[in-house]
Amino acid sequence: MESRKKEFYVGFFVLIGLLASAYLFISLGEIKLFSKDQYSVYGYFSSVSGLKQGARVEMAGVPIGSVSSITIDRERLVAKVSFAVDKKIELTEDSIASVKTSGIIGEKYVDISPGGSEFPLEDGDEIENTESSLDIESLVRKFIFSDEKK
């Protein structure tokens, strides 16, 4: 009888440990088990260097979604970026999507500037106004090589 009691407690604590480990993996790994109410929009950018799938999408500094996918559009030969945006946030057709960097050398994210139009974007619509990321390497290269020619 005493042995069964010990086995029960050991099994119980092992189960609690496994559940706690699973919770940590899910929360720290930012794994989304249950999809939020989101809709998808996309935009075309000439350069998205450093932007990764899963990057945050912000409006006024507040996270409102994430980057779903980054692909090349074969017709336009530019980057097509899809965003998953919370349904609570209503983007309009004249919103502006910009690829920005948090800090000087921080990670890239997408910042959405709201528009003033009355026409909201629906699921699968395109954000037509986009601003690509600033390529610091090319700016430095231009600055260095422009001084050598003088």
N, C-alpha and C. Protein backbone atom coordinates (compact mmCIF):
# COMPACT_ATOMS: atom_id res chain seq x y z
N MET A 1 0.82 -1.20 0.00
CA MET A 1 0.00 0.00 0.00
C MET A 1 0.86 1.26 0.00
N GLU A 2 1.92 1.25 0.82
CA GLU A 2 2.83 2.40 0.90
C GLU A 2 3.53 2.62 -0.44
N SER A 3 3.85 1.54 -1.13
CA SER A 3 4.52 1.62 -2.43
C SER A 3 3.62 2.25 -3.49
N ARG A 4 2.35 1.90 -3.49
CA ARG A 4 1.40 2.47 -4.45
C ARG A 4 1.24 3.98 -4.23
N LYS A 5 1.24 4.38 -2.97
CA LYS A 5 1.09 5.79 -2.65
C LYS A 5 2.29 6.59 -3.20
N LYS A 6 3.49 6.05 -3.04
CA LYS A 6 4.69 6.71 -3.56
C LYS A 6 4.64 6.77 -5.08
N GLU A 7 4.23 5.69 -5.72
CA GLU A 7 4.15 5.66 -7.19
C GLU A 7 3.13 6.68 -7.69
N PHE A 8 2.02 6.81 -6.98
CA PHE A 8 1.01 7.79 -7.37
C PHE A 8 1.58 9.21 -7.31
N TYR A 9 2.24 9.55 -6.19
CA TYR A 9 2.81 10.89 -6.04
C TYR A 9 3.92 11.16 -7.06
N VAL A 10 4.75 10.18 -7.32
CA VAL A 10 5.81 10.35 -8.32
C VAL A 10 5.18 10.58 -9.70
N GLY A 11 4.20 9.79 -10.05
CA GLY A 11 3.51 9.96 -11.33
C GLY A 11 2.83 11.31 -11.44
N PHE A 12 2.21 11.73 -10.34
CA PHE A 12 1.53 13.02 -10.31
C PHE A 12 2.52 14.17 -10.55
N PHE A 13 3.66 14.13 -9.87
CA PHE A 13 4.66 15.19 -10.03
C PHE A 13 5.31 15.15 -11.42
N VAL A 14 5.48 13.98 -11.99
CA VAL A 14 6.01 13.88 -13.35
C VAL A 14 5.01 14.50 -14.33
N LEU A 15 3.73 14.22 -14.14
CA LEU A 15 2.69 14.80 -15.00
C LEU A 15 2.67 16.32 -14.88
N ILE A 16 2.76 16.85 -13.66
CA ILE A 16 2.79 18.30 -13.45
C ILE A 16 4.03 18.89 -14.12
N GLY A 17 5.17 18.22 -14.00
CA GLY A 17 6.40 18.70 -14.63
C GLY A 17 6.29 18.74 -16.15
N LEU A 18 5.67 17.72 -16.75
CA LEU A 18 5.48 17.70 -18.20
C LEU A 18 4.53 18.80 -18.66
N LEU A 19 3.47 19.02 -17.92
CA LEU A 19 2.54 20.10 -18.26
C LEU A 19 3.21 21.47 -18.15
N ALA A 20 4.02 21.67 -17.11
CA ALA A 20 4.72 22.94 -16.95
C ALA A 20 5.73 23.14 -18.07
N SER A 21 6.43 22.09 -18.46
CA SER A 21 7.38 22.18 -19.57
C SER A 21 6.67 22.51 -20.88
N ALA A 22 5.55 21.88 -21.14
CA ALA A 22 4.78 22.16 -22.36
C ALA A 22 4.31 23.60 -22.37
N TYR A 23 3.86 24.10 -21.24
CA TYR A 23 3.42 25.49 -21.15
C TYR A 23 4.58 26.44 -21.46
N LEU A 24 5.76 26.16 -20.91
CA LEU A 24 6.92 27.02 -21.17
C LEU A 24 7.32 26.99 -22.64
N PHE A 25 7.31 25.82 -23.26
CA PHE A 25 7.66 25.72 -24.68
C PHE A 25 6.68 26.53 -25.53
N ILE A 26 5.42 26.45 -25.20
CA ILE A 26 4.41 27.16 -25.99
C ILE A 26 4.50 28.67 -25.77
N SER A 27 4.64 29.09 -24.53
CA SER A 27 4.65 30.54 -24.27
C SER A 27 5.97 31.19 -24.67
N LEU A 28 7.09 30.57 -24.39
CA LEU A 28 8.38 31.16 -24.76
C LEU A 28 8.66 31.03 -26.25
N GLY A 29 8.18 29.98 -26.87
CA GLY A 29 8.37 29.79 -28.30
C GLY A 29 7.37 30.54 -29.14
N GLU A 30 6.45 31.25 -28.49
CA GLU A 30 5.41 32.01 -29.16
C GLU A 30 4.65 31.17 -30.18
N ILE A 31 4.34 29.94 -29.79
CA ILE A 31 3.56 29.04 -30.63
C ILE A 31 2.10 29.38 -30.44
N LYS A 32 1.40 29.56 -31.54
CA LYS A 32 -0.01 29.91 -31.47
C LYS A 32 -0.85 28.68 -31.72
N LEU A 33 -1.44 28.14 -30.65
CA LEU A 33 -2.29 26.96 -30.78
C LEU A 33 -3.67 27.33 -31.28
N PHE A 34 -4.18 28.42 -30.79
CA PHE A 34 -5.51 28.85 -31.18
C PHE A 34 -5.37 30.14 -31.96
N SER A 35 -5.83 30.12 -33.21
CA SER A 35 -5.67 31.31 -34.04
C SER A 35 -6.59 32.41 -33.55
N LYS A 36 -6.07 33.62 -33.56
CA LYS A 36 -6.86 34.76 -33.16
C LYS A 36 -7.74 35.17 -34.33
N ASP A 37 -8.69 36.03 -34.05
CA ASP A 37 -9.53 36.56 -35.12
C ASP A 37 -8.70 37.57 -35.90
N GLN A 38 -8.20 37.13 -37.05
CA GLN A 38 -7.34 37.98 -37.88
C GLN A 38 -7.79 37.91 -39.33
N TYR A 39 -7.42 38.91 -40.07
CA TYR A 39 -7.63 38.89 -41.52
C TYR A 39 -6.31 39.16 -42.20
N SER A 40 -6.22 38.79 -43.45
CA SER A 40 -4.96 38.86 -44.17
C SER A 40 -4.99 39.96 -45.21
N VAL A 41 -3.93 40.77 -45.24
CA VAL A 41 -3.70 41.76 -46.28
C VAL A 41 -2.26 41.61 -46.74
N TYR A 42 -1.94 42.17 -47.89
CA TYR A 42 -0.58 42.05 -48.39
C TYR A 42 -0.15 43.35 -49.06
N GLY A 43 1.18 43.46 -49.25
CA GLY A 43 1.73 44.63 -49.92
C GLY A 43 2.99 44.24 -50.68
N TYR A 44 3.35 45.04 -51.67
CA TYR A 44 4.55 44.81 -52.47
C TYR A 44 5.63 45.81 -52.08
N PHE A 45 6.84 45.31 -51.88
CA PHE A 45 7.97 46.14 -51.46
C PHE A 45 9.15 45.89 -52.40
N SER A 46 9.92 46.94 -52.71
CA SER A 46 11.10 46.75 -53.55
C SER A 46 12.23 46.09 -52.76
N SER A 47 12.25 46.27 -51.43
CA SER A 47 13.27 45.63 -50.60
C SER A 47 12.70 45.38 -49.20
N VAL A 48 12.88 44.17 -48.72
CA VAL A 48 12.48 43.82 -47.36
C VAL A 48 13.65 43.16 -46.63
N SER A 49 14.86 43.60 -46.94
CA SER A 49 16.05 42.96 -46.37
C SER A 49 15.98 42.99 -44.84
N GLY A 50 16.15 41.84 -44.24
CA GLY A 50 16.13 41.71 -42.79
C GLY A 50 14.77 41.40 -42.19
N LEU A 51 13.71 41.57 -42.96
CA LEU A 51 12.36 41.26 -42.45
C LEU A 51 12.15 39.76 -42.50
N LYS A 52 11.61 39.18 -41.44
CA LYS A 52 11.41 37.74 -41.37
C LYS A 52 9.95 37.41 -41.14
N GLN A 53 9.60 36.19 -41.54
CA GLN A 53 8.25 35.69 -41.28
C GLN A 53 8.04 35.64 -39.77
N GLY A 54 6.91 36.09 -39.31
CA GLY A 54 6.62 36.13 -37.88
C GLY A 54 6.95 37.47 -37.25
N ALA A 55 7.57 38.38 -38.01
CA ALA A 55 7.89 39.71 -37.48
C ALA A 55 6.59 40.42 -37.11
N ARG A 56 6.68 41.33 -36.18
CA ARG A 56 5.46 42.01 -35.72
C ARG A 56 5.02 43.11 -36.69
N VAL A 57 3.74 43.36 -36.68
CA VAL A 57 3.14 44.45 -37.43
C VAL A 57 2.58 45.41 -36.38
N GLU A 58 2.97 46.68 -36.46
CA GLU A 58 2.57 47.66 -35.46
C GLU A 58 1.83 48.82 -36.08
N MET A 59 1.00 49.44 -35.25
CA MET A 59 0.37 50.71 -35.60
C MET A 59 0.48 51.60 -34.38
N ALA A 60 1.11 52.75 -34.53
CA ALA A 60 1.33 53.70 -33.42
C ALA A 60 2.09 53.04 -32.27
N GLY A 61 3.00 52.12 -32.61
CA GLY A 61 3.82 51.47 -31.60
C GLY A 61 3.15 50.31 -30.89
N VAL A 62 1.93 49.97 -31.27
CA VAL A 62 1.19 48.88 -30.64
C VAL A 62 1.11 47.70 -31.60
N PRO A 63 1.50 46.49 -31.16
CA PRO A 63 1.41 45.32 -32.06
C PRO A 63 -0.04 45.02 -32.44
N ILE A 64 -0.28 44.86 -33.75
CA ILE A 64 -1.63 44.57 -34.23
C ILE A 64 -1.66 43.30 -35.08
N GLY A 65 -0.52 42.65 -35.26
CA GLY A 65 -0.48 41.45 -36.08
C GLY A 65 0.94 40.98 -36.30
N SER A 66 1.10 40.14 -37.33
CA SER A 66 2.41 39.60 -37.65
C SER A 66 2.53 39.35 -39.14
N VAL A 67 3.78 39.17 -39.59
CA VAL A 67 4.05 38.89 -40.99
C VAL A 67 3.79 37.40 -41.22
N SER A 68 2.88 37.09 -42.14
CA SER A 68 2.52 35.69 -42.43
C SER A 68 3.50 35.04 -43.38
N SER A 69 3.84 35.74 -44.46
CA SER A 69 4.75 35.15 -45.45
C SER A 69 5.44 36.25 -46.24
N ILE A 70 6.62 35.89 -46.76
CA ILE A 70 7.39 36.78 -47.62
C ILE A 70 7.78 35.97 -48.85
N THR A 71 7.33 36.41 -50.02
CA THR A 71 7.63 35.71 -51.27
C THR A 71 8.03 36.72 -52.33
N ILE A 72 8.49 36.20 -53.47
CA ILE A 72 8.80 37.04 -54.63
C ILE A 72 7.64 36.96 -55.61
N ASP A 73 7.16 38.11 -56.05
CA ASP A 73 6.14 38.14 -57.09
C ASP A 73 6.86 38.03 -58.43
N ARG A 74 6.59 36.97 -59.16
CA ARG A 74 7.32 36.70 -60.41
C ARG A 74 7.00 37.68 -61.52
N GLU A 75 5.83 38.29 -61.49
CA GLU A 75 5.47 39.26 -62.53
C GLU A 75 6.14 40.61 -62.29
N ARG A 76 6.05 41.10 -61.08
CA ARG A 76 6.59 42.42 -60.75
C ARG A 76 8.07 42.37 -60.34
N LEU A 77 8.56 41.20 -59.94
CA LEU A 77 9.93 41.00 -59.45
C LEU A 77 10.22 41.87 -58.22
N VAL A 78 9.27 41.88 -57.31
CA VAL A 78 9.40 42.56 -56.03
C VAL A 78 8.94 41.60 -54.93
N ALA A 79 9.17 41.98 -53.69
CA ALA A 79 8.77 41.14 -52.56
C ALA A 79 7.29 41.36 -52.25
N LYS A 80 6.58 40.25 -52.06
CA LYS A 80 5.17 40.29 -51.64
C LYS A 80 5.13 39.84 -50.19
N VAL A 81 4.66 40.72 -49.32
CA VAL A 81 4.60 40.44 -47.89
C VAL A 81 3.14 40.37 -47.47
N SER A 82 2.77 39.25 -46.85
CA SER A 82 1.40 39.07 -46.34
C SER A 82 1.40 39.29 -44.83
N PHE A 83 0.38 39.99 -44.35
CA PHE A 83 0.24 40.31 -42.93
C PHE A 83 -1.04 39.70 -42.39
N ALA A 84 -0.99 39.23 -41.16
CA ALA A 84 -2.19 38.82 -40.44
C ALA A 84 -2.47 39.91 -39.42
N VAL A 85 -3.59 40.60 -39.57
CA VAL A 85 -3.93 41.75 -38.74
C VAL A 85 -5.18 41.42 -37.91
N ASP A 86 -5.18 41.87 -36.65
CA ASP A 86 -6.34 41.64 -35.78
C ASP A 86 -7.59 42.24 -36.39
N LYS A 87 -8.70 41.51 -36.29
CA LYS A 87 -9.96 41.98 -36.86
C LYS A 87 -10.49 43.23 -36.16
N LYS A 88 -10.04 43.47 -34.94
CA LYS A 88 -10.47 44.66 -34.21
C LYS A 88 -9.94 45.94 -34.87
N ILE A 89 -8.82 45.81 -35.60
CA ILE A 89 -8.19 46.95 -36.26
C ILE A 89 -8.69 47.03 -37.69
N GLU A 90 -9.28 48.15 -38.05
CA GLU A 90 -9.82 48.32 -39.39
C GLU A 90 -8.87 49.21 -40.19
N LEU A 91 -8.13 48.59 -41.13
CA LEU A 91 -7.24 49.34 -42.00
C LEU A 91 -8.04 49.87 -43.19
N THR A 92 -7.69 51.05 -43.66
CA THR A 92 -8.36 51.62 -44.82
C THR A 92 -7.49 51.49 -46.05
N GLU A 93 -8.07 51.73 -47.21
CA GLU A 93 -7.38 51.51 -48.47
C GLU A 93 -6.19 52.44 -48.68
N ASP A 94 -6.12 53.56 -47.98
CA ASP A 94 -4.99 54.47 -48.13
C ASP A 94 -3.98 54.38 -46.99
N SER A 95 -4.00 53.26 -46.25
CA SER A 95 -3.00 53.02 -45.21
C SER A 95 -1.63 52.85 -45.85
N ILE A 96 -0.58 53.15 -45.09
CA ILE A 96 0.79 53.03 -45.59
C ILE A 96 1.52 51.99 -44.75
N ALA A 97 2.13 50.99 -45.42
CA ALA A 97 2.92 49.96 -44.74
C ALA A 97 4.39 50.25 -44.98
N SER A 98 5.18 50.37 -43.90
CA SER A 98 6.60 50.67 -43.99
C SER A 98 7.39 49.60 -43.25
N VAL A 99 8.51 49.18 -43.84
CA VAL A 99 9.42 48.26 -43.16
C VAL A 99 10.40 49.12 -42.38
N LYS A 100 10.43 48.95 -41.07
CA LYS A 100 11.27 49.77 -40.20
C LYS A 100 12.14 48.89 -39.31
N THR A 101 13.11 49.52 -38.67
CA THR A 101 14.03 48.83 -37.77
C THR A 101 13.82 49.36 -36.36
N SER A 102 13.73 48.46 -35.38
CA SER A 102 13.63 48.91 -34.00
C SER A 102 15.06 49.16 -33.49
N GLY A 103 15.35 50.39 -33.18
CA GLY A 103 16.70 50.77 -32.76
C GLY A 103 17.61 50.94 -33.96
N ILE A 104 18.90 51.04 -33.71
CA ILE A 104 19.85 51.25 -34.80
C ILE A 104 20.11 49.97 -35.56
N ILE A 105 20.35 48.89 -34.86
CA ILE A 105 20.62 47.61 -35.53
C ILE A 105 19.67 46.52 -35.05
N GLY A 106 18.48 46.91 -34.66
CA GLY A 106 17.50 45.97 -34.14
C GLY A 106 16.80 45.19 -35.23
N GLU A 107 15.79 44.46 -34.83
CA GLU A 107 15.05 43.63 -35.77
C GLU A 107 14.09 44.48 -36.60
N LYS A 108 13.76 43.97 -37.77
CA LYS A 108 12.85 44.66 -38.68
C LYS A 108 11.41 44.31 -38.32
N TYR A 109 10.53 45.26 -38.56
CA TYR A 109 9.10 45.06 -38.36
C TYR A 109 8.35 45.92 -39.38
N VAL A 110 7.04 45.73 -39.46
CA VAL A 110 6.21 46.51 -40.38
C VAL A 110 5.38 47.49 -39.56
N ASP A 111 5.46 48.76 -39.94
CA ASP A 111 4.69 49.80 -39.28
C ASP A 111 3.60 50.26 -40.24
N ILE A 112 2.38 50.26 -39.76
CA ILE A 112 1.24 50.68 -40.57
C ILE A 112 0.80 52.06 -40.11
N SER A 113 0.78 53.00 -41.06
CA SER A 113 0.25 54.34 -40.78
C SER A 113 -1.19 54.37 -41.28
N PRO A 114 -2.12 54.74 -40.41
CA PRO A 114 -3.53 54.72 -40.82
C PRO A 114 -3.84 55.79 -41.85
N GLY A 115 -4.79 55.50 -42.67
CA GLY A 115 -5.23 56.46 -43.68
C GLY A 115 -6.52 57.13 -43.24
N GLY A 116 -7.01 58.00 -44.08
CA GLY A 116 -8.23 58.73 -43.75
C GLY A 116 -9.42 58.35 -44.61
N SER A 117 -9.26 57.32 -45.41
CA SER A 117 -10.33 56.90 -46.31
C SER A 117 -11.48 56.26 -45.55
N GLU A 118 -12.63 56.24 -46.19
CA GLU A 118 -13.80 55.61 -45.59
C GLU A 118 -13.93 54.14 -46.00
N PHE A 119 -13.08 53.70 -46.94
CA PHE A 119 -13.20 52.35 -47.47
C PHE A 119 -12.22 51.41 -46.77
N PRO A 120 -12.71 50.46 -45.97
CA PRO A 120 -11.82 49.55 -45.25
C PRO A 120 -11.27 48.45 -46.16
N LEU A 121 -10.12 47.92 -45.78
CA LEU A 121 -9.54 46.78 -46.47
C LEU A 121 -10.22 45.51 -45.99
N GLU A 122 -10.52 44.63 -46.90
CA GLU A 122 -11.14 43.35 -46.57
C GLU A 122 -10.06 42.26 -46.55
N ASP A 123 -10.44 41.07 -46.15
CA ASP A 123 -9.53 39.93 -46.14
C ASP A 123 -9.02 39.66 -47.56
N GLY A 124 -7.69 39.65 -47.74
CA GLY A 124 -7.08 39.38 -49.03
C GLY A 124 -6.81 40.60 -49.88
N ASP A 125 -7.13 41.81 -49.37
CA ASP A 125 -6.88 43.03 -50.13
C ASP A 125 -5.41 43.45 -50.07
N GLU A 126 -5.05 44.38 -50.96
CA GLU A 126 -3.67 44.86 -51.06
C GLU A 126 -3.54 46.25 -50.44
N ILE A 127 -2.46 46.43 -49.67
CA ILE A 127 -2.07 47.77 -49.22
C ILE A 127 -1.21 48.33 -50.34
N GLU A 128 -1.71 49.35 -51.03
CA GLU A 128 -1.02 49.85 -52.21
C GLU A 128 0.14 50.78 -51.88
N ASN A 129 0.07 51.50 -50.77
CA ASN A 129 1.13 52.44 -50.39
C ASN A 129 2.11 51.74 -49.46
N THR A 130 3.32 51.50 -49.96
CA THR A 130 4.34 50.82 -49.16
C THR A 130 5.65 51.59 -49.22
N GLU A 131 6.46 51.45 -48.17
CA GLU A 131 7.79 52.04 -48.11
C GLU A 131 8.76 50.93 -47.74
N SER A 132 9.78 50.72 -48.55
CA SER A 132 10.74 49.65 -48.31
C SER A 132 11.70 50.02 -47.18
N SER A 133 12.44 49.01 -46.74
CA SER A 133 13.39 49.23 -45.65
C SER A 133 14.58 50.05 -46.13
N LEU A 134 15.17 50.77 -45.21
CA LEU A 134 16.35 51.57 -45.49
C LEU A 134 17.56 50.65 -45.42
N ASP A 135 18.33 50.61 -46.50
CA ASP A 135 19.52 49.77 -46.55
C ASP A 135 20.73 50.59 -46.12
N ILE A 136 21.14 50.42 -44.87
CA ILE A 136 22.23 51.21 -44.30
C ILE A 136 23.54 50.91 -45.01
N GLU A 137 23.77 49.67 -45.41
CA GLU A 137 25.02 49.31 -46.09
C GLU A 137 25.19 50.09 -47.38
N SER A 138 24.12 50.21 -48.17
CA SER A 138 24.24 50.94 -49.43
C SER A 138 24.46 52.43 -49.18
N LEU A 139 23.87 52.99 -48.14
CA LEU A 139 24.10 54.39 -47.80
C LEU A 139 25.54 54.63 -47.39
N VAL A 140 26.08 53.73 -46.57
CA VAL A 140 27.48 53.86 -46.15
C VAL A 140 28.40 53.71 -47.36
N ARG A 141 28.09 52.76 -48.23
CA ARG A 141 28.90 52.54 -49.43
C ARG A 141 28.90 53.79 -50.30
N LYS A 142 27.74 54.40 -50.51
CA LYS A 142 27.66 55.62 -51.31
C LYS A 142 28.45 56.75 -50.67
N PHE A 143 28.37 56.87 -49.36
CA PHE A 143 29.08 57.92 -48.65
C PHE A 143 30.58 57.74 -48.76
N ILE A 144 31.08 56.52 -48.58
CA ILE A 144 32.50 56.24 -48.64
C ILE A 144 33.05 56.44 -50.04
N PHE A 145 32.39 55.90 -51.03
CA PHE A 145 32.91 55.97 -52.39
C PHE A 145 32.69 57.34 -53.03
N SER A 146 31.74 58.12 -52.57
CA SER A 146 31.56 59.46 -53.12
C SER A 146 32.67 60.39 -52.68
N ASP A 147 33.27 60.18 -51.48
CA ASP A 147 34.37 61.01 -51.00
C ASP A 147 35.67 60.70 -51.74
N GLU A 148 35.86 59.47 -52.19
CA GLU A 148 37.10 59.09 -52.85
C GLU A 148 37.23 59.74 -54.23
N LYS A 149 36.13 60.05 -54.89
CA LYS A 149 36.17 60.61 -56.24
C LYS A 149 36.53 62.09 -56.24
N LYS A 150 36.40 62.75 -55.12
CA LYS A 150 36.67 64.19 -55.06
C LYS A 150 38.13 64.48 -54.95
